[in-house]
PDB file of N, CA and C in Angstrom:
ATOM      1  N   MET A   1       1.011  89.607  51.763  1.00  0.00           N
ATOM      2  CA  MET A   1       1.005  90.938  51.147  1.00  0.00           C
ATOM      3  C   MET A   1       0.673  90.783  49.667  1.00  0.00           C
ATOM      4  N   TRP A   2      -0.228  91.598  49.193  1.00  0.00           N
ATOM      5  CA  TRP A   2      -0.645  91.565  47.796  1.00  0.00           C
ATOM      6  C   TRP A   2       0.213  92.523  47.006  1.00  0.00           C
ATOM      7  N   SER A   3       0.704  92.070  45.882  1.00  0.00           N
ATOM      8  CA  SER A   3       1.450  92.983  45.022  1.00  0.00           C
ATOM      9  C   SER A   3       1.064  92.707  43.577  1.00  0.00           C
ATOM     10  N   ALA A   4       1.051  93.751  42.811  1.00  0.00           N
ATOM     11  CA  ALA A   4       0.674  93.613  41.405  1.00  0.00           C
ATOM     12  C   ALA A   4       1.736  94.260  40.549  1.00  0.00           C
ATOM     13  N   THR A   5       1.944  93.701  39.401  1.00  0.00           N
ATOM     14  CA  THR A   5       2.807  94.380  38.454  1.00  0.00           C
ATOM     15  C   THR A   5       1.956  95.406  37.739  1.00  0.00           C
ATOM     16  N   LEU A   6       2.412  96.600  37.765  1.00  0.00           N
ATOM     17  CA  LEU A   6       1.648  97.664  37.143  1.00  0.00           C
ATOM     18  C   LEU A   6       1.937  97.686  35.652  1.00  0.00           C
ATOM     19  N   ALA A   7       0.882  97.686  34.898  1.00  0.00           N
ATOM     20  CA  ALA A   7       1.026  97.720  33.445  1.00  0.00           C
ATOM     21  C   ALA A   7       1.498  99.105  32.993  1.00  0.00           C
ATOM     22  N   TRP A   8       1.038 100.134  33.682  1.00  0.00           N
ATOM     23  CA  TRP A   8       1.312 101.523  33.286  1.00  0.00           C
ATOM     24  C   TRP A   8       2.050 102.260  34.390  1.00  0.00           C
ATOM     25  N   GLN A   9       2.963 103.128  33.990  1.00  0.00           N
ATOM     26  CA  GLN A   9       3.633 104.025  34.946  1.00  0.00           C
ATOM     27  C   GLN A   9       2.771 105.264  35.115  1.00  0.00           C
ATOM     28  N   ILE A  10       2.671 105.731  36.336  1.00  0.00           N
ATOM     29  CA  ILE A  10       1.964 106.980  36.609  1.00  0.00           C
ATOM     30  C   ILE A  10       3.020 108.044  36.886  1.00  0.00           C
ATOM     31  N   ARG A  11       2.979 109.126  36.134  1.00  0.00           N
ATOM     32  CA  ARG A  11       3.908 110.254  36.330  1.00  0.00           C
ATOM     33  C   ARG A  11       3.083 111.518  36.550  1.00  0.00           C
ATOM     34  N   PHE A  12       3.613 112.408  37.361  1.00  0.00           N
ATOM     35  CA  PHE A  12       2.957 113.688  37.634  1.00  0.00           C
ATOM     36  C   PHE A  12       3.834 114.804  37.097  1.00  0.00           C
ATOM     37  N   ASP A  13       3.249 115.751  36.359  1.00  0.00           N
ATOM     38  CA  ASP A  13       4.053 116.914  35.972  1.00  0.00           C
ATOM     39  C   ASP A  13       4.033 117.910  37.137  1.00  0.00           C
ATOM     40  N   ASP A  14       4.817 118.975  37.034  1.00  0.00           N
ATOM     41  CA  ASP A  14       4.963 119.917  38.151  1.00  0.00           C
ATOM     42  C   ASP A  14       3.638 120.539  38.566  1.00  0.00           C
ATOM     43  N   ALA A  15       2.808 120.912  37.588  1.00  0.00           N
ATOM     44  CA  ALA A  15       1.525 121.548  37.906  1.00  0.00           C
ATOM     45  C   ALA A  15       0.613 120.592  38.677  1.00  0.00           C
ATOM     46  N   SER A  16       0.598 119.326  38.297  1.00  0.00           N
ATOM     47  CA  SER A  16      -0.274 118.373  38.987  1.00  0.00           C
ATOM     48  C   SER A  16       0.231 118.081  40.399  1.00  0.00           C
ATOM     49  N   LEU A  17       1.545 118.126  40.605  1.00  0.00           N
ATOM     50  CA  LEU A  17       2.077 117.948  41.959  1.00  0.00           C
ATOM     51  C   LEU A  17       1.667 119.110  42.860  1.00  0.00           C
ATOM     52  N   LYS A  18       1.653 120.326  42.305  1.00  0.00           N
ATOM     53  CA  LYS A  18       1.194 121.489  43.070  1.00  0.00           C
ATOM     54  C   LYS A  18      -0.295 121.350  43.386  1.00  0.00           C
ATOM     55  N   ASP A  19      -1.079 120.898  42.381  1.00  0.00           N
ATOM     56  CA  ASP A  19      -2.510 120.673  42.603  1.00  0.00           C
ATOM     57  C   ASP A  19      -2.725 119.663  43.731  1.00  0.00           C
ATOM     58  N   LEU A  20      -1.963 118.584  43.704  1.00  0.00           N
ATOM     59  CA  LEU A  20      -2.093 117.522  44.699  1.00  0.00           C
ATOM     60  C   LEU A  20      -1.739 118.041  46.096  1.00  0.00           C
ATOM     61  N   ALA A  21      -0.705 118.864  46.177  1.00  0.00           N
ATOM     62  CA  ALA A  21      -0.260 119.406  47.469  1.00  0.00           C
ATOM     63  C   ALA A  21      -1.299 120.332  48.091  1.00  0.00           C
ATOM     64  N   LYS A  22      -2.133 120.960  47.271  1.00  0.00           N
ATOM     65  CA  LYS A  22      -3.155 121.888  47.774  1.00  0.00           C
ATOM     66  C   LYS A  22      -4.359 121.160  48.370  1.00  0.00           C
ATOM     67  N   LEU A  23      -4.518 119.890  48.049  1.00  0.00           N
ATOM     68  CA  LEU A  23      -5.687 119.145  48.508  1.00  0.00           C
ATOM     69  C   LEU A  23      -5.522 118.677  49.946  1.00  0.00           C
ATOM     70  N   ASP A  24      -6.661 118.386  50.589  1.00  0.00           N
ATOM     71  CA  ASP A  24      -6.615 117.775  51.915  1.00  0.00           C
ATOM     72  C   ASP A  24      -5.890 116.441  51.805  1.00  0.00           C
ATOM     73  N   LYS A  25      -5.157 116.075  52.849  1.00  0.00           N
ATOM     74  CA  LYS A  25      -4.370 114.834  52.813  1.00  0.00           C
ATOM     75  C   LYS A  25      -5.206 113.603  52.476  1.00  0.00           C
ATOM     76  N   PRO A  26      -6.386 113.397  53.092  1.00  0.00           N
ATOM     77  CA  PRO A  26      -7.160 112.189  52.752  1.00  0.00           C
ATOM     78  C   PRO A  26      -7.604 112.162  51.285  1.00  0.00           C
ATOM     79  N   VAL A  27      -7.940 113.323  50.735  1.00  0.00           N
ATOM     80  CA  VAL A  27      -8.360 113.400  49.327  1.00  0.00           C
ATOM     81  C   VAL A  27      -7.173 113.095  48.423  1.00  0.00           C
ATOM     82  N   ALA A  28      -6.026 113.690  48.715  1.00  0.00           N
ATOM     83  CA  ALA A  28      -4.822 113.451  47.916  1.00  0.00           C
ATOM     84  C   ALA A  28      -4.447 111.973  47.950  1.00  0.00           C
ATOM     85  N   LYS A  29      -4.528 111.368  49.132  1.00  0.00           N
ATOM     86  CA  LYS A  29      -4.195 109.951  49.278  1.00  0.00           C
ATOM     87  C   LYS A  29      -5.159 109.088  48.466  1.00  0.00           C
ATOM     88  N   ARG A  30      -6.427 109.447  48.490  1.00  0.00           N
ATOM     89  CA  ARG A  30      -7.443 108.696  47.739  1.00  0.00           C
ATOM     90  C   ARG A  30      -7.180 108.771  46.230  1.00  0.00           C
ATOM     91  N   ILE A  31      -6.779 109.942  45.760  1.00  0.00           N
ATOM     92  CA  ILE A  31      -6.500 110.125  44.330  1.00  0.00           C
ATOM     93  C   ILE A  31      -5.278 109.311  43.901  1.00  0.00           C
ATOM     94  N   VAL A  32      -4.206 109.369  44.675  1.00  0.00           N
ATOM     95  CA  VAL A  32      -2.995 108.613  44.354  1.00  0.00           C
ATOM     96  C   VAL A  32      -3.290 107.113  44.409  1.00  0.00           C
ATOM     97  N   GLN A  33      -4.048 106.694  45.410  1.00  0.00           N
ATOM     98  CA  GLN A  33      -4.418 105.279  45.539  1.00  0.00           C
ATOM     99  C   GLN A  33      -5.250 104.825  44.331  1.00  0.00           C
ATOM    100  N   PHE A  34      -6.185 105.673  43.896  1.00  0.00           N
ATOM    101  CA  PHE A  34      -7.000 105.367  42.715  1.00  0.00           C
ATOM    102  C   PHE A  34      -6.116 105.165  41.483  1.00  0.00           C
ATOM    103  N   LEU A  35      -5.161 106.085  41.282  1.00  0.00           N
ATOM    104  CA  LEU A  35      -4.271 105.993  40.124  1.00  0.00           C
ATOM    105  C   LEU A  35      -3.432 104.715  40.163  1.00  0.00           C
ATOM    106  N   ARG A  36      -2.893 104.396  41.328  1.00  0.00           N
ATOM    107  CA  ARG A  36      -2.023 103.222  41.441  1.00  0.00           C
ATOM    108  C   ARG A  36      -2.795 101.910  41.346  1.00  0.00           C
ATOM    109  N   GLU A  37      -3.909 101.815  42.069  1.00  0.00           N
ATOM    110  CA  GLU A  37      -4.618 100.539  42.174  1.00  0.00           C
ATOM    111  C   GLU A  37      -5.605 100.290  41.041  1.00  0.00           C
ATOM    112  N   ARG A  38      -6.253 101.333  40.559  1.00  0.00           N
ATOM    113  CA  ARG A  38      -7.285 101.138  39.539  1.00  0.00           C
ATOM    114  C   ARG A  38      -6.772 101.392  38.128  1.00  0.00           C
ATOM    115  N   VAL A  39      -6.078 102.508  37.920  1.00  0.00           N
ATOM    116  CA  VAL A  39      -5.696 102.908  36.564  1.00  0.00           C
ATOM    117  C   VAL A  39      -4.419 102.200  36.097  1.00  0.00           C
ATOM    118  N   ALA A  40      -3.368 102.221  36.909  1.00  0.00           N
ATOM    119  CA  ALA A  40      -2.077 101.675  36.489  1.00  0.00           C
ATOM    120  C   ALA A  40      -2.131 100.175  36.229  1.00  0.00           C
ATOM    121  N   ALA A  41      -3.028  99.463  36.880  1.00  0.00           N
ATOM    122  CA  ALA A  41      -3.108  98.010  36.745  1.00  0.00           C
ATOM    123  C   ALA A  41      -3.887  97.564  35.504  1.00  0.00           C
ATOM    124  N   LEU A  42      -4.566  98.492  34.842  1.00  0.00           N
ATOM    125  CA  LEU A  42      -5.398  98.132  33.697  1.00  0.00           C
ATOM    126  C   LEU A  42      -4.575  97.830  32.451  1.00  0.00           C
ATOM    127  N   ASP A  43      -5.106  96.969  31.609  1.00  0.00           N
ATOM    128  CA  ASP A  43      -4.496  96.752  30.297  1.00  0.00           C
ATOM    129  C   ASP A  43      -4.739  97.975  29.417  1.00  0.00           C
ATOM    130  N   ASP A  44      -5.933  98.563  29.542  1.00  0.00           N
ATOM    131  CA  ASP A  44      -6.289  99.756  28.768  1.00  0.00           C
ATOM    132  C   ASP A  44      -6.837 100.825  29.716  1.00  0.00           C
ATOM    133  N   PRO A  45      -6.039 101.845  30.039  1.00  0.00           N
ATOM    134  CA  PRO A  45      -6.493 102.869  30.984  1.00  0.00           C
ATOM    135  C   PRO A  45      -7.660 103.706  30.457  1.00  0.00           C
ATOM    136  N   ARG A  46      -7.953 103.590  29.176  1.00  0.00           N
ATOM    137  CA  ARG A  46      -9.088 104.323  28.608  1.00  0.00           C
ATOM    138  C   ARG A  46     -10.428 103.699  29.005  1.00  0.00           C
ATOM    139  N   SER A  47     -10.385 102.457  29.487  1.00  0.00           N
ATOM    140  CA  SER A  47     -11.621 101.739  29.782  1.00  0.00           C
ATOM    141  C   SER A  47     -12.414 102.358  30.940  1.00  0.00           C
ATOM    142  N   ILE A  48     -11.746 103.044  31.866  1.00  0.00           N
ATOM    143  CA  ILE A  48     -12.491 103.676  32.962  1.00  0.00           C
ATOM    144  C   ILE A  48     -12.411 105.200  32.920  1.00  0.00           C
ATOM    145  N   GLY A  49     -11.701 105.729  31.940  1.00  0.00           N
ATOM    146  CA  GLY A  49     -11.607 107.179  31.791  1.00  0.00           C
ATOM    147  C   GLY A  49     -12.560 107.672  30.729  1.00  0.00           C
ATOM    148  N   GLU A  50     -12.506 108.965  30.503  1.00  0.00           N
ATOM    149  CA  GLU A  50     -13.338 109.565  29.466  1.00  0.00           C
ATOM    150  C   GLU A  50     -12.500 110.593  28.716  1.00  0.00           C
ATOM    151  N   ALA A  51     -12.577 110.545  27.394  1.00  0.00           N
ATOM    152  CA  ALA A  51     -11.816 111.491  26.574  1.00  0.00           C
ATOM    153  C   ALA A  51     -12.400 112.887  26.730  1.00  0.00           C
ATOM    154  N   LEU A  52     -11.532 113.884  26.806  1.00  0.00           N
ATOM    155  CA  LEU A  52     -12.010 115.264  26.840  1.00  0.00           C
ATOM    156  C   LEU A  52     -12.314 115.689  25.415  1.00  0.00           C
ATOM    157  N   LYS A  53     -13.472 116.259  25.229  1.00  0.00           N
ATOM    158  CA  LYS A  53     -13.900 116.669  23.896  1.00  0.00           C
ATOM    159  C   LYS A  53     -13.808 118.186  23.772  1.00  0.00           C
ATOM    160  N   GLU A  54     -13.474 118.643  22.590  1.00  0.00           N
ATOM    161  CA  GLU A  54     -13.397 120.082  22.311  1.00  0.00           C
ATOM    162  C   GLU A  54     -12.630 120.836  23.381  1.00  0.00           C
ATOM    163  N   SER A  55     -11.556 120.248  23.827  1.00  0.00           N
ATOM    164  CA  SER A  55     -10.815 120.844  24.933  1.00  0.00           C
ATOM    165  C   SER A  55      -9.633 121.651  24.426  1.00  0.00           C
ATOM    166  N   LYS A  56      -9.405 122.769  25.079  1.00  0.00           N
ATOM    167  CA  LYS A  56      -8.202 123.535  24.766  1.00  0.00           C
ATOM    168  C   LYS A  56      -6.970 122.799  25.287  1.00  0.00           C
ATOM    169  N   LEU A  57      -7.218 121.781  26.105  1.00  0.00           N
ATOM    170  CA  LEU A  57      -6.124 120.980  26.641  1.00  0.00           C
ATOM    171  C   LEU A  57      -5.581 119.989  25.618  1.00  0.00           C
ATOM    172  N   GLY A  58      -6.328 119.714  24.568  1.00  0.00           N
ATOM    173  CA  GLY A  58      -5.850 118.781  23.548  1.00  0.00           C
ATOM    174  C   GLY A  58      -6.373 117.376  23.753  1.00  0.00           C
ATOM    175  N   GLU A  59      -5.528 116.411  23.460  1.00  0.00           N
ATOM    176  CA  GLU A  59      -5.912 115.000  23.542  1.00  0.00           C
ATOM    177  C   GLU A  59      -5.683 114.464  24.951  1.00  0.00           C
ATOM    178  N   PHE A  60      -6.589 114.764  25.843  1.00  0.00           N
ATOM    179  CA  PHE A  60      -6.429 114.333  27.225  1.00  0.00           C
ATOM    180  C   PHE A  60      -7.611 113.492  27.670  1.00  0.00           C
ATOM    181  N   TRP A  61      -7.378 112.772  28.764  1.00  0.00           N
ATOM    182  CA  TRP A  61      -8.389 111.905  29.357  1.00  0.00           C
ATOM    183  C   TRP A  61      -8.653 112.372  30.771  1.00  0.00           C
ATOM    184  N   LYS A  62      -9.885 112.134  31.237  1.00  0.00           N
ATOM    185  CA  LYS A  62     -10.191 112.489  32.622  1.00  0.00           C
ATOM    186  C   LYS A  62     -10.629 111.249  33.376  1.00  0.00           C
ATOM    187  N   TYR A  63     -10.293 111.245  34.649  1.00  0.00           N
ATOM    188  CA  TYR A  63     -10.738 110.207  35.578  1.00  0.00           C
ATOM    189  C   TYR A  63     -11.470 110.904  36.707  1.00  0.00           C
ATOM    190  N   ARG A  64     -12.499 110.282  37.182  1.00  0.00           N
ATOM    191  CA  ARG A  64     -13.334 110.873  38.218  1.00  0.00           C
ATOM    192  C   ARG A  64     -13.101 110.164  39.546  1.00  0.00           C
ATOM    193  N   VAL A  65     -12.806 110.945  40.574  1.00  0.00           N
ATOM    194  CA  VAL A  65     -12.682 110.429  41.936  1.00  0.00           C
ATOM    195  C   VAL A  65     -13.527 111.353  42.808  1.00  0.00           C
ATOM    196  N   GLY A  66     -14.768 110.968  43.065  1.00  0.00           N
ATOM    197  CA  GLY A  66     -15.683 111.819  43.808  1.00  0.00           C
ATOM    198  C   GLY A  66     -15.914 113.123  43.067  1.00  0.00           C
ATOM    199  N   ASP A  67     -15.722 114.247  43.741  1.00  0.00           N
ATOM    200  CA  ASP A  67     -15.891 115.562  43.125  1.00  0.00           C
ATOM    201  C   ASP A  67     -14.616 116.045  42.441  1.00  0.00           C
ATOM    202  N   TYR A  68     -13.604 115.211  42.400  1.00  0.00           N
ATOM    203  CA  TYR A  68     -12.322 115.605  41.821  1.00  0.00           C
ATOM    204  C   TYR A  68     -12.108 114.941  40.470  1.00  0.00           C
ATOM    205  N   ARG A  69     -11.344 115.632  39.622  1.00  0.00           N
ATOM    206  CA  ARG A  69     -11.026 115.118  38.301  1.00  0.00           C
ATOM    207  C   ARG A  69      -9.514 115.077  38.144  1.00  0.00           C
ATOM    208  N   ILE A  70      -9.061 114.027  37.490  1.00  0.00           N
ATOM    209  CA  ILE A  70      -7.642 113.857  37.170  1.00  0.00           C
ATOM    210  C   ILE A  70      -7.546 113.959  35.654  1.00  0.00           C
ATOM    211  N   ILE A  71      -6.820 114.959  35.178  1.00  0.00           N
ATOM    212  CA  ILE A  71      -6.641 115.154  33.737  1.00  0.00           C
ATOM    213  C   ILE A  71      -5.271 114.578  33.379  1.00  0.00           C
ATOM    214  N   SER A  72      -5.262 113.688  32.398  1.00  0.00           N
ATOM    215  CA  SER A  72      -4.002 113.022  32.078  1.00  0.00           C
ATOM    216  C   SER A  72      -3.835 112.801  30.584  1.00  0.00           C
ATOM    217  N   SER A  73      -2.599 112.567  30.225  1.00  0.00           N
ATOM    218  CA  SER A  73      -2.239 112.214  28.857  1.00  0.00           C
ATOM    219  C   SER A  73      -1.805 110.750  28.881  1.00  0.00           C
ATOM    220  N   ILE A  74      -2.351 109.949  27.993  1.00  0.00           N
ATOM    221  CA  ILE A  74      -1.992 108.535  27.932  1.00  0.00           C
ATOM    222  C   ILE A  74      -0.972 108.360  26.817  1.00  0.00           C
ATOM    223  N   GLU A  75       0.237 107.968  27.207  1.00  0.00           N
ATOM    224  CA  GLU A  75       1.346 107.813  26.256  1.00  0.00           C
ATOM    225  C   GLU A  75       1.553 106.327  25.992  1.00  0.00           C
ATOM    226  N   ASP A  76       0.888 105.830  24.949  1.00  0.00           N
ATOM    227  CA  ASP A  76       0.890 104.397  24.651  1.00  0.00           C
ATOM    228  C   ASP A  76       2.289 103.823  24.416  1.00  0.00           C
ATOM    229  N   GLY A  77       3.117 104.537  23.677  1.00  0.00           N
ATOM    230  CA  GLY A  77       4.450 104.036  23.348  1.00  0.00           C
ATOM    231  C   GLY A  77       5.324 103.811  24.567  1.00  0.00           C
ATOM    232  N   GLU A  78       5.098 104.603  25.598  1.00  0.00           N
ATOM    233  CA  GLU A  78       5.905 104.528  26.822  1.00  0.00           C
ATOM    234  C   GLU A  78       5.207 103.745  27.925  1.00  0.00           C
ATOM    235  N   LEU A  79       3.949 103.341  27.689  1.00  0.00           N
ATOM    236  CA  LEU A  79       3.113 102.746  28.742  1.00  0.00           C
ATOM    237  C   LEU A  79       3.129 103.651  29.980  1.00  0.00           C
ATOM    238  N   ARG A  80       2.845 104.941  29.724  1.00  0.00           N
ATOM    239  CA  ARG A  80       2.907 105.928  30.788  1.00  0.00           C
ATOM    240  C   ARG A  80       1.651 106.790  30.767  1.00  0.00           C
ATOM    241  N   ILE A  81       1.190 107.122  31.956  1.00  0.00           N
ATOM    242  CA  ILE A  81       0.081 108.052  32.109  1.00  0.00           C
ATOM    243  C   ILE A  81       0.654 109.284  32.797  1.00  0.00           C
ATOM    244  N   LEU A  82       0.626 110.398  32.083  1.00  0.00           N
ATOM    245  CA  LEU A  82       1.161 111.646  32.624  1.00  0.00           C
ATOM    246  C   LEU A  82       0.005 112.484  33.150  1.00  0.00           C
ATOM    247  N   VAL A  83      -0.023 112.679  34.462  1.00  0.00           N
ATOM    248  CA  VAL A  83      -1.065 113.475  35.098  1.00  0.00           C
ATOM    249  C   VAL A  83      -0.679 114.943  34.960  1.00  0.00           C
ATOM    250  N   VAL A  84      -1.576 115.742  34.352  1.00  0.00           N
ATOM    251  CA  VAL A  84      -1.255 117.148  34.110  1.00  0.00           C
ATOM    252  C   VAL A  84      -2.042 118.097  35.006  1.00  0.00           C
ATOM    253  N   ARG A  85      -3.219 117.703  35.462  1.00  0.00           N
ATOM    254  CA  ARG A  85      -4.019 118.549  36.365  1.00  0.00           C
ATOM    255  C   ARG A  85      -4.820 117.668  37.299  1.00  0.00           C
ATOM    256  N   ILE A  86      -5.027 118.161  38.512  1.00  0.00           N
ATOM    257  CA  ILE A  86      -5.899 117.512  39.481  1.00  0.00           C
ATOM    258  C   ILE A  86      -6.667 118.622  40.163  1.00  0.00           C
ATOM    259  N   GLY A  87      -7.982 118.474  40.262  1.00  0.00           N
ATOM    260  CA  GLY A  87      -8.735 119.511  40.953  1.00  0.00           C
ATOM    261  C   GLY A  87     -10.209 119.196  41.046  1.00  0.00           C
ATOM    262  N   ASN A  88     -10.910 120.073  41.748  1.00  0.00           N
ATOM    263  CA  ASN A  88     -12.344 119.968  41.874  1.00  0.00           C
ATOM    264  C   ASN A  88     -12.976 120.098  40.501  1.00  0.00           C
ATOM    265  N   ARG A  89     -14.032 119.367  40.273  1.00  0.00           N
ATOM    266  CA  ARG A  89     -14.657 119.330  38.948  1.00  0.00           C
ATOM    267  C   ARG A  89     -15.115 120.706  38.466  1.00  0.00           C
ATOM    268  N   ARG A  90     -15.402 121.636  39.383  1.00  0.00           N
ATOM    269  CA  ARG A  90     -15.853 122.976  38.995  1.00  0.00           C
ATOM    270  C   ARG A  90     -14.701 123.841  38.488  1.00  0.00           C
ATOM    271  N   GLU A  91     -13.464 123.522  38.899  1.00  0.00           N
ATOM    272  CA  GLU A  91     -12.349 124.419  38.613  1.00  0.00           C
ATOM    273  C   GLU A  91     -11.268 123.822  37.704  1.00  0.00           C
ATOM    274  N   VAL A  92     -11.209 122.521  37.572  1.00  0.00           N
ATOM    275  CA  VAL A  92     -10.063 121.878  36.921  1.00  0.00           C
ATOM    276  C   VAL A  92      -9.975 122.172  35.427  1.00  0.00           C
ATOM    277  N   TYR A  93     -11.083 122.502  34.787  1.00  0.00           N
ATOM    278  CA  TYR A  93     -11.070 122.706  33.338  1.00  0.00           C
ATOM    279  C   TYR A  93     -10.722 124.136  32.924  1.00  0.00           C
ATOM    280  N   ARG A  94     -10.560 125.017  33.890  1.00  0.00           N
ATOM    281  CA  ARG A  94     -10.262 126.421  33.573  1.00  0.00           C
ATOM    282  C   ARG A  94      -8.806 126.619  33.210  1.00  0.00           C
TER     283      ARG A  94
END
């Protein structure tokens, strides 16, 4: 069995949990798997994400999983990634 120590904690706020619950099960599973296996294991989670520019959301980062986007806040002091929104790329920024 392969196990990795995760460098970063992944946390979901209430809105992102509701977003996740609305998705099809395979899509939701793929997104959670992406966060755990790809993002949390990185030394620098910014290396595969992209900063949101001119956003009313503030200082947030996005990750792309197919047609879906994960909007998150990277909290360096806590080594935590707080997921604030998850949704289809056409709707998540509204």
